[in-house]
N, C-alpha and C. Protein backbone atom coordinates (compact mmCIF):
# COMPACT_ATOMS: atom_id res chain seq x y z
N MET A 1 60.03 68.15 112.71
CA MET A 1 59.21 68.85 111.74
C MET A 1 59.94 70.12 111.28
N LEU A 2 59.84 70.40 110.03
CA LEU A 2 60.53 71.54 109.46
C LEU A 2 59.73 72.82 109.67
N ASN A 3 60.45 73.85 110.05
CA ASN A 3 59.84 75.16 110.24
C ASN A 3 59.98 75.93 108.93
N GLU A 4 58.88 76.17 108.25
CA GLU A 4 58.90 76.81 106.93
C GLU A 4 59.44 78.24 106.99
N GLU A 5 59.10 78.96 108.04
CA GLU A 5 59.58 80.34 108.16
C GLU A 5 61.10 80.37 108.31
N ARG A 6 61.62 79.46 109.12
CA ARG A 6 63.07 79.40 109.32
C ARG A 6 63.77 79.04 108.01
N ILE A 7 63.23 78.10 107.27
CA ILE A 7 63.81 77.71 105.99
C ILE A 7 63.78 78.87 105.01
N ARG A 8 62.68 79.61 104.99
CA ARG A 8 62.56 80.77 104.11
C ARG A 8 63.61 81.82 104.45
N LEU A 9 63.78 82.09 105.75
CA LEU A 9 64.77 83.08 106.17
C LEU A 9 66.19 82.62 105.86
N MET A 10 66.46 81.35 106.06
CA MET A 10 67.80 80.83 105.77
C MET A 10 68.10 80.88 104.27
N THR A 11 67.09 80.62 103.46
CA THR A 11 67.26 80.72 102.01
C THR A 11 67.54 82.17 101.61
N LYS A 12 66.82 83.08 102.24
CA LYS A 12 67.04 84.51 101.97
C LYS A 12 68.47 84.91 102.36
N MET A 13 68.95 84.41 103.49
CA MET A 13 70.31 84.72 103.93
C MET A 13 71.35 84.12 103.00
N ALA A 14 71.13 82.89 102.55
CA ALA A 14 72.07 82.25 101.64
C ALA A 14 72.14 83.01 100.31
N ALA A 15 71.00 83.47 99.83
CA ALA A 15 70.99 84.25 98.59
C ALA A 15 71.74 85.57 98.78
N TYR A 16 71.57 86.18 99.95
CA TYR A 16 72.28 87.43 100.25
C TYR A 16 73.79 87.19 100.28
N GLU A 17 74.22 86.12 100.95
CA GLU A 17 75.65 85.82 101.05
C GLU A 17 76.26 85.54 99.68
N ALA A 18 75.50 84.90 98.81
CA ALA A 18 76.01 84.57 97.48
C ALA A 18 76.02 85.78 96.54
N GLY A 19 75.14 86.72 96.76
CA GLY A 19 75.04 87.87 95.86
C GLY A 19 75.62 89.13 96.46
N GLU A 20 74.75 89.95 96.99
CA GLU A 20 75.11 91.26 97.53
C GLU A 20 76.07 91.15 98.71
N GLY A 21 75.95 90.09 99.47
CA GLY A 21 76.79 89.92 100.66
C GLY A 21 78.26 89.75 100.36
N LYS A 22 78.60 89.25 99.16
CA LYS A 22 80.00 89.11 98.80
C LYS A 22 80.73 90.44 98.83
N GLU A 23 80.03 91.50 98.50
CA GLU A 23 80.63 92.84 98.51
C GLU A 23 80.47 93.50 99.88
N ASN A 24 79.30 93.33 100.49
CA ASN A 24 78.98 94.07 101.71
C ASN A 24 79.61 93.51 102.97
N LEU A 25 79.69 92.21 103.10
CA LEU A 25 80.23 91.63 104.33
C LEU A 25 81.71 91.97 104.55
N PRO A 26 82.57 91.92 103.52
CA PRO A 26 83.96 92.35 103.74
C PRO A 26 84.10 93.83 104.08
N VAL A 27 83.22 94.67 103.54
CA VAL A 27 83.28 96.12 103.81
C VAL A 27 83.05 96.36 105.30
N LYS A 28 82.16 95.62 105.89
CA LYS A 28 81.79 95.83 107.28
C LYS A 28 82.90 95.42 108.25
N GLN A 29 83.93 94.74 107.76
CA GLN A 29 85.05 94.37 108.62
C GLN A 29 85.91 95.58 108.99
N TYR A 30 85.76 96.67 108.28
CA TYR A 30 86.55 97.88 108.52
C TYR A 30 85.71 98.93 109.25
N TYR A 31 86.40 99.82 109.94
CA TYR A 31 85.74 101.03 110.39
C TYR A 31 85.56 101.92 109.17
N ARG A 32 84.59 102.82 109.23
CA ARG A 32 84.31 103.66 108.08
C ARG A 32 85.53 104.45 107.65
N ARG A 33 86.20 105.03 108.61
CA ARG A 33 87.36 105.86 108.30
C ARG A 33 88.47 105.04 107.63
N ASP A 34 88.68 103.82 108.12
CA ASP A 34 89.71 102.97 107.53
C ASP A 34 89.34 102.54 106.11
N TYR A 35 88.08 102.17 105.92
CA TYR A 35 87.63 101.73 104.60
C TYR A 35 87.74 102.87 103.59
N VAL A 36 87.24 104.03 103.94
CA VAL A 36 87.27 105.17 103.01
C VAL A 36 88.72 105.59 102.75
N GLY A 37 89.55 105.59 103.78
CA GLY A 37 90.95 105.95 103.60
C GLY A 37 91.70 104.99 102.70
N TYR A 38 91.45 103.69 102.88
CA TYR A 38 92.09 102.67 102.04
C TYR A 38 91.66 102.82 100.59
N GLU A 39 90.38 103.03 100.37
CA GLU A 39 89.89 103.19 99.00
C GLU A 39 90.39 104.49 98.38
N MET A 40 90.53 105.54 99.19
CA MET A 40 91.06 106.80 98.65
C MET A 40 92.53 106.65 98.29
N LEU A 41 93.27 105.85 99.06
CA LEU A 41 94.67 105.58 98.72
C LEU A 41 94.77 104.85 97.39
N LYS A 42 93.91 103.84 97.19
CA LYS A 42 93.89 103.14 95.92
C LYS A 42 93.51 104.09 94.78
N THR A 43 92.56 104.99 95.04
CA THR A 43 92.15 105.96 94.03
C THR A 43 93.30 106.91 93.71
N PHE A 44 94.05 107.31 94.73
CA PHE A 44 95.20 108.19 94.51
C PHE A 44 96.21 107.53 93.58
N LEU A 45 96.51 106.28 93.86
CA LEU A 45 97.49 105.57 93.03
C LEU A 45 97.00 105.40 91.59
N THR A 46 95.76 104.99 91.44
CA THR A 46 95.25 104.77 90.09
C THR A 46 95.06 106.09 89.33
N SER A 47 94.67 107.14 90.02
CA SER A 47 94.51 108.42 89.33
C SER A 47 95.87 109.02 88.96
N THR A 48 96.90 108.75 89.75
CA THR A 48 98.25 109.19 89.39
C THR A 48 98.72 108.48 88.13
N ILE A 49 98.47 107.18 88.07
CA ILE A 49 98.81 106.42 86.87
C ILE A 49 98.01 106.94 85.68
N SER A 50 96.75 107.21 85.88
CA SER A 50 95.89 107.73 84.80
C SER A 50 96.40 109.08 84.30
N PHE A 51 96.80 109.95 85.24
CA PHE A 51 97.33 111.25 84.84
C PHE A 51 98.59 111.07 84.00
N GLY A 52 99.44 110.16 84.41
CA GLY A 52 100.66 109.89 83.64
C GLY A 52 100.35 109.39 82.24
N ILE A 53 99.40 108.49 82.13
CA ILE A 53 99.02 107.96 80.82
C ILE A 53 98.43 109.07 79.95
N LEU A 54 97.56 109.88 80.54
CA LEU A 54 96.97 111.00 79.79
C LEU A 54 98.04 112.00 79.36
N LEU A 55 99.02 112.25 80.21
CA LEU A 55 100.11 113.17 79.87
C LEU A 55 100.93 112.63 78.71
N VAL A 56 101.25 111.34 78.75
CA VAL A 56 102.01 110.73 77.66
C VAL A 56 101.20 110.79 76.36
N CYS A 57 99.90 110.49 76.44
CA CYS A 57 99.05 110.56 75.24
C CYS A 57 99.03 111.98 74.67
N TRP A 58 98.92 112.96 75.56
CA TRP A 58 98.90 114.35 75.12
C TRP A 58 100.24 114.72 74.47
N LEU A 59 101.35 114.27 75.08
CA LEU A 59 102.67 114.57 74.51
C LEU A 59 102.84 113.94 73.14
N VAL A 60 102.38 112.71 72.97
CA VAL A 60 102.48 112.05 71.67
C VAL A 60 101.61 112.77 70.64
N TYR A 61 100.42 113.16 71.05
CA TYR A 61 99.49 113.85 70.15
C TYR A 61 100.06 115.20 69.72
N ARG A 62 100.70 115.89 70.64
CA ARG A 62 101.23 117.24 70.38
C ARG A 62 102.73 117.23 70.09
N MET A 63 103.28 116.14 69.61
CA MET A 63 104.72 116.02 69.42
C MET A 63 105.26 117.13 68.51
N GLU A 64 104.54 117.44 67.45
CA GLU A 64 105.01 118.48 66.53
C GLU A 64 104.98 119.85 67.19
N ASP A 65 103.93 120.12 67.95
CA ASP A 65 103.81 121.41 68.60
C ASP A 65 104.65 121.52 69.86
N LEU A 66 105.19 120.41 70.31
CA LEU A 66 105.93 120.40 71.57
C LEU A 66 107.18 121.26 71.51
N THR A 67 107.88 121.21 70.41
CA THR A 67 109.09 122.03 70.31
C THR A 67 108.74 123.51 70.31
N GLU A 68 107.67 123.87 69.62
CA GLU A 68 107.22 125.26 69.63
C GLU A 68 106.78 125.67 71.03
N PHE A 69 106.11 124.77 71.69
CA PHE A 69 105.60 125.03 73.04
C PHE A 69 106.76 125.24 74.02
N LEU A 70 107.81 124.43 73.89
CA LEU A 70 108.93 124.52 74.82
C LEU A 70 109.87 125.69 74.51
N LYS A 71 109.90 126.16 73.27
CA LYS A 71 110.78 127.28 72.92
C LYS A 71 110.43 128.54 73.69
N GLY A 72 109.17 128.81 73.80
CA GLY A 72 108.75 130.07 74.41
C GLY A 72 108.57 130.00 75.92
N ARG A 73 108.80 128.87 76.55
CA ARG A 73 108.53 128.74 77.99
C ARG A 73 109.78 128.31 78.75
N ASP A 74 109.78 128.71 80.00
CA ASP A 74 110.81 128.21 80.90
C ASP A 74 110.39 126.84 81.39
N LEU A 75 111.34 126.00 81.70
CA LEU A 75 111.01 124.68 82.22
C LEU A 75 110.37 124.76 83.61
N PRO A 76 110.81 125.67 84.49
CA PRO A 76 110.09 125.77 85.78
C PRO A 76 108.63 126.18 85.60
N GLU A 77 108.36 127.05 84.62
CA GLU A 77 106.98 127.44 84.35
C GLU A 77 106.17 126.24 83.84
N LEU A 78 106.78 125.45 82.98
CA LEU A 78 106.12 124.24 82.48
C LEU A 78 105.88 123.25 83.62
N GLY A 79 106.87 123.13 84.50
CA GLY A 79 106.72 122.24 85.67
C GLY A 79 105.58 122.68 86.56
N MET A 80 105.46 123.97 86.82
CA MET A 80 104.36 124.47 87.64
C MET A 80 103.02 124.25 86.95
N TRP A 81 102.99 124.42 85.63
CA TRP A 81 101.77 124.18 84.87
C TRP A 81 101.32 122.73 85.03
N LEU A 82 102.29 121.80 84.93
CA LEU A 82 101.97 120.38 85.10
C LEU A 82 101.55 120.06 86.53
N ILE A 83 102.24 120.61 87.51
CA ILE A 83 101.93 120.33 88.92
C ILE A 83 100.53 120.84 89.28
N ILE A 84 100.20 122.02 88.80
CA ILE A 84 98.86 122.57 89.09
C ILE A 84 97.78 121.68 88.49
N ARG A 85 97.98 121.25 87.27
CA ARG A 85 96.99 120.37 86.64
C ARG A 85 96.92 119.02 87.34
N TYR A 86 98.05 118.51 87.78
CA TYR A 86 98.09 117.24 88.52
C TYR A 86 97.33 117.36 89.84
N VAL A 87 97.57 118.44 90.57
CA VAL A 87 96.90 118.64 91.86
C VAL A 87 95.39 118.78 91.67
N VAL A 88 94.98 119.51 90.67
CA VAL A 88 93.54 119.66 90.39
C VAL A 88 92.94 118.31 90.02
N PHE A 89 93.61 117.57 89.16
CA PHE A 89 93.14 116.25 88.72
C PHE A 89 92.99 115.31 89.92
N ILE A 90 94.00 115.24 90.75
CA ILE A 90 93.98 114.35 91.92
C ILE A 90 92.92 114.81 92.91
N SER A 91 92.81 116.10 93.14
CA SER A 91 91.82 116.61 94.09
C SER A 91 90.40 116.26 93.68
N ILE A 92 90.11 116.40 92.41
CA ILE A 92 88.77 116.07 91.93
C ILE A 92 88.48 114.58 92.16
N TYR A 93 89.43 113.75 91.81
CA TYR A 93 89.24 112.31 92.00
C TYR A 93 89.12 111.93 93.47
N GLN A 94 89.89 112.59 94.34
CA GLN A 94 89.82 112.27 95.76
C GLN A 94 88.47 112.67 96.36
N VAL A 95 87.95 113.80 95.96
CA VAL A 95 86.63 114.23 96.46
C VAL A 95 85.55 113.25 96.00
N ILE A 96 85.61 112.88 94.73
CA ILE A 96 84.64 111.93 94.21
C ILE A 96 84.77 110.59 94.93
N ALA A 97 85.99 110.13 95.15
CA ALA A 97 86.21 108.85 95.84
C ALA A 97 85.69 108.90 97.26
N CYS A 98 85.92 110.00 97.95
CA CYS A 98 85.43 110.13 99.32
C CYS A 98 83.91 110.03 99.37
N ILE A 99 83.25 110.71 98.48
CA ILE A 99 81.78 110.68 98.45
C ILE A 99 81.28 109.28 98.11
N VAL A 100 81.84 108.68 97.07
CA VAL A 100 81.38 107.37 96.61
C VAL A 100 81.59 106.31 97.67
N TYR A 101 82.77 106.26 98.27
CA TYR A 101 83.07 105.19 99.21
C TYR A 101 82.40 105.40 100.57
N THR A 102 82.12 106.63 100.93
CA THR A 102 81.34 106.87 102.15
C THR A 102 79.91 106.37 101.96
N ARG A 103 79.33 106.67 100.81
CA ARG A 103 77.98 106.17 100.52
C ARG A 103 77.96 104.65 100.44
N ARG A 104 78.96 104.09 99.80
CA ARG A 104 79.02 102.63 99.67
C ARG A 104 79.13 101.97 101.05
N TYR A 105 79.90 102.58 101.95
CA TYR A 105 80.04 102.03 103.29
C TYR A 105 78.72 102.11 104.05
N LYS A 106 78.04 103.23 103.94
CA LYS A 106 76.75 103.38 104.62
C LYS A 106 75.73 102.37 104.10
N ARG A 107 75.69 102.19 102.80
CA ARG A 107 74.76 101.23 102.20
C ARG A 107 75.10 99.81 102.64
N ALA A 108 76.38 99.47 102.67
CA ALA A 108 76.79 98.14 103.10
C ALA A 108 76.48 97.92 104.57
N THR A 109 76.65 98.94 105.39
CA THR A 109 76.35 98.83 106.81
C THR A 109 74.87 98.56 107.03
N ALA A 110 74.03 99.27 106.33
CA ALA A 110 72.58 99.06 106.47
C ALA A 110 72.20 97.65 106.00
N SER A 111 72.79 97.21 104.93
CA SER A 111 72.48 95.90 104.39
C SER A 111 72.94 94.79 105.33
N VAL A 112 74.12 94.93 105.90
CA VAL A 112 74.64 93.91 106.82
C VAL A 112 73.85 93.92 108.11
N LYS A 113 73.40 95.09 108.53
CA LYS A 113 72.58 95.18 109.74
C LYS A 113 71.28 94.39 109.55
N GLU A 114 70.69 94.52 108.37
CA GLU A 114 69.47 93.77 108.06
C GLU A 114 69.77 92.26 108.03
N TYR A 115 70.92 91.90 107.51
CA TYR A 115 71.34 90.49 107.47
C TYR A 115 71.47 89.94 108.88
N TYR A 116 72.10 90.68 109.78
CA TYR A 116 72.25 90.21 111.16
C TYR A 116 70.91 90.13 111.89
N ALA A 117 69.99 91.03 111.56
CA ALA A 117 68.65 90.95 112.16
C ALA A 117 67.95 89.67 111.72
N THR A 118 68.09 89.32 110.46
CA THR A 118 67.51 88.07 109.96
C THR A 118 68.19 86.87 110.63
N LEU A 119 69.48 86.96 110.83
CA LEU A 119 70.21 85.89 111.51
C LEU A 119 69.70 85.69 112.93
N LYS A 120 69.41 86.78 113.63
CA LYS A 120 68.85 86.68 114.98
C LYS A 120 67.47 86.03 114.96
N LYS A 121 66.67 86.37 113.96
CA LYS A 121 65.35 85.75 113.84
C LYS A 121 65.47 84.24 113.66
N VAL A 122 66.41 83.83 112.82
CA VAL A 122 66.62 82.40 112.58
C VAL A 122 67.06 81.72 113.86
N GLU A 123 67.92 82.35 114.61
CA GLU A 123 68.40 81.78 115.88
C GLU A 123 67.26 81.65 116.88
N LYS A 124 66.41 82.64 116.97
CA LYS A 124 65.26 82.58 117.88
C LYS A 124 64.30 81.46 117.48
N LEU A 125 64.07 81.33 116.17
CA LEU A 125 63.20 80.26 115.70
C LEU A 125 63.80 78.88 116.00
N ARG A 126 65.12 78.77 115.87
CA ARG A 126 65.79 77.51 116.17
C ARG A 126 65.66 77.17 117.66
N GLU A 127 65.89 78.17 118.51
CA GLU A 127 65.76 77.96 119.96
C GLU A 127 64.33 77.58 120.32
N LYS A 128 63.37 78.25 119.71
CA LYS A 128 61.96 77.97 119.98
C LYS A 128 61.63 76.53 119.54
N GLU A 129 62.19 76.10 118.40
CA GLU A 129 61.93 74.78 117.89
C GLU A 129 62.57 73.71 118.81
N GLU A 130 63.73 74.02 119.37
CA GLU A 130 64.41 73.07 120.26
C GLU A 130 63.65 72.89 121.56
N ARG A 131 63.00 73.91 122.04
CA ARG A 131 62.22 73.83 123.29
C ARG A 131 61.04 72.88 123.15
N LEU A 132 60.49 72.85 121.96
CA LEU A 132 59.30 72.00 121.72
C LEU A 132 59.65 70.58 121.50
């Protein structure tokens, strides 16, 4: 005889695995520190590329003014100006990434914990059904 509660729980678990679980279950394979660190490394690389693209766009946009800009400045001063802006840009992105991925990890942990609790319920129902 089929246990309707067990079938309902298994359907709920299958829906979770197909939807939200695709993102949350792999996250839970990492420790929080490792997950956040890995994502921050990816953010560092992509934000560095973004800064480079934005710099090139700015240089193309200001091509006419670039010669005027460079005449009155030393190159070391220009280099420091760029480095300061790069560090600020990267720092902002890293702080945002740390906050976002820490929250995402906590949310995934809570969701997976609920999934495992449902899995235990299904196992208990199966054991109970086998005894009968």
